Amino acid sequence: MRRIAVYCAVLLLVAGLSFTGTAKAAAKTFAGSISDSMCGAKHMMPGQSDKDCTLACVKAGSKYVLADASGKVYQLSDQKKPEQFAGQKVKVTGTLKGDMITVTAIDPAK
């Protein structure tokens, strides 16, 4: 009888621990500029604005990214919202996993 009680206690402990790892990450705000995956933090098309370069690179197959002031580049889960902010400084709200931000909002930086 005592073995069953110990077994049940261990089973409940393991089940409880498995739920602690499933908590969602809190949303965070990231500041930087909307760029493209080819250029990253530094645009390479001579004579074009950051916006024009970003839009041209995305049209050619690149993805929208967020490049922060330190040069770190984050992939963005949403590829529609960033278009209106191409080449601009923004604040992206979302959750970070690896180098991917799951975007919940994009707002112009003030």
Protein backbone atom coordinates (compact mmCIF):
# COMPACT_ATOMS: atom_id res chain seq x y z
CA MET A 1 0.00 0.00 0.00
CA ARG A 2 2.85 2.38 0.85
CA ARG A 3 4.48 1.73 -2.56
CA ILE A 4 1.31 2.86 -4.31
CA ALA A 5 1.23 6.10 -2.30
CA VAL A 6 4.88 6.83 -3.18
CA TYR A 7 4.24 5.98 -6.83
CA CYS A 8 1.22 8.33 -6.93
CA ALA A 9 3.19 11.13 -5.27
CA VAL A 10 6.03 10.79 -7.81
CA LEU A 11 3.54 10.70 -10.68
CA LEU A 12 1.85 13.90 -9.47
CA LEU A 13 5.21 15.63 -9.05
CA VAL A 14 6.30 14.73 -12.58
CA ALA A 15 2.94 15.84 -14.00
CA GLY A 16 3.20 19.16 -12.16
CA LEU A 17 6.70 19.82 -13.43
CA SER A 18 5.69 19.15 -17.02
CA PHE A 19 3.14 21.98 -16.87
CA THR A 20 5.67 24.57 -15.68
CA GLY A 21 7.56 24.37 -18.98
CA THR A 22 4.50 25.17 -21.07
CA ALA A 23 3.97 28.73 -19.85
CA LYS A 24 3.96 31.23 -22.70
CA ALA A 25 6.76 33.74 -23.00
CA ALA A 26 5.77 37.30 -22.19
CA ALA A 27 5.51 39.79 -25.04
CA LYS A 28 8.42 42.19 -25.27
CA THR A 29 9.11 45.35 -27.29
CA PHE A 30 12.08 45.49 -29.66
CA ALA A 31 13.35 48.72 -31.23
CA GLY A 32 15.09 49.01 -34.58
CA SER A 33 14.50 49.50 -38.30
CA ILE A 34 12.50 47.41 -40.72
CA SER A 35 14.99 46.03 -43.21
CA ASP A 36 15.31 42.92 -45.36
CA SER A 37 17.08 39.62 -44.86
CA MET A 38 19.57 40.27 -47.66
CA CYS A 39 20.83 43.64 -46.41
CA GLY A 40 20.23 43.20 -42.70
CA ALA A 41 21.50 46.20 -40.75
CA LYS A 42 23.28 47.83 -43.71
CA HIS A 43 21.60 48.56 -47.04
CA MET A 44 23.76 47.90 -50.08
CA MET A 45 21.95 49.47 -53.06
CA PRO A 46 23.84 52.64 -53.96
CA GLY A 47 21.73 55.73 -54.50
CA GLN A 48 18.56 54.28 -52.98
CA SER A 49 16.88 55.13 -49.71
CA ASP A 50 16.59 52.48 -47.00
CA LYS A 51 12.89 52.18 -47.84
CA ASP A 52 13.48 51.71 -51.59
CA CYS A 53 16.27 49.21 -50.98
CA THR A 54 14.16 47.19 -48.52
CA LEU A 55 11.16 47.09 -50.85
CA ALA A 56 13.32 46.11 -53.85
CA CYS A 57 15.04 43.32 -51.92
CA VAL A 58 11.73 41.95 -50.61
CA LYS A 59 10.31 42.05 -54.13
CA ALA A 60 13.35 40.02 -55.21
CA GLY A 61 12.67 37.35 -52.55
CA SER A 62 14.11 38.63 -49.27
CA LYS A 63 12.06 38.66 -46.06
CA TYR A 64 11.30 41.60 -43.79
CA VAL A 65 13.47 41.69 -40.66
CA LEU A 66 14.08 43.99 -37.70
CA ALA A 67 17.64 45.33 -37.40
CA ASP A 68 18.42 46.86 -33.99
CA ALA A 69 20.97 49.57 -33.20
CA SER A 70 23.65 47.00 -32.30
CA GLY A 71 23.35 45.33 -35.72
CA LYS A 72 21.42 42.29 -34.46
CA VAL A 73 18.88 41.10 -37.03
CA TYR A 74 15.62 39.42 -36.00
CA GLN A 75 13.38 37.43 -38.34
CA LEU A 76 9.74 38.54 -38.28
CA SER A 77 6.84 36.08 -38.32
CA ASP A 78 4.52 38.60 -39.99
CA GLN A 79 5.54 39.56 -43.50
CA LYS A 80 2.59 41.89 -44.24
CA LYS A 81 2.64 44.47 -41.41
CA PRO A 82 6.31 45.45 -41.93
CA GLU A 83 5.74 46.56 -45.54
CA GLN A 84 4.24 49.91 -44.54
CA PHE A 85 7.26 50.57 -42.28
CA ALA A 86 10.01 49.55 -44.76
CA GLY A 87 13.24 51.42 -43.97
CA GLN A 88 11.73 53.14 -40.93
CA LYS A 89 12.54 53.05 -37.22
CA VAL A 90 9.88 51.08 -35.35
CA LYS A 91 8.94 49.30 -32.15
CA VAL A 92 7.97 45.67 -32.66
CA THR A 93 5.99 43.95 -29.93
CA GLY A 94 6.04 40.16 -29.78
CA THR A 95 7.68 37.09 -28.33
CA LEU A 96 11.23 36.05 -29.16
CA LYS A 97 12.22 32.45 -29.80
CA GLY A 98 15.74 32.03 -31.16
CA ASP A 99 16.10 34.88 -33.66
CA MET A 100 12.39 34.93 -34.63
CA ILE A 101 9.97 37.50 -33.25
CA THR A 102 6.35 36.36 -33.35
CA VAL A 103 4.87 39.76 -34.10
CA THR A 104 1.78 41.08 -32.31
CA ALA A 105 2.22 44.77 -33.21
CA ILE A 106 4.45 47.18 -35.11
CA ASP A 107 4.38 50.88 -34.33
CA PRO A 108 6.49 53.79 -35.57
CA ALA A 109 9.27 54.81 -33.19
CA LYS A 110 8.82 58.20 -31.58
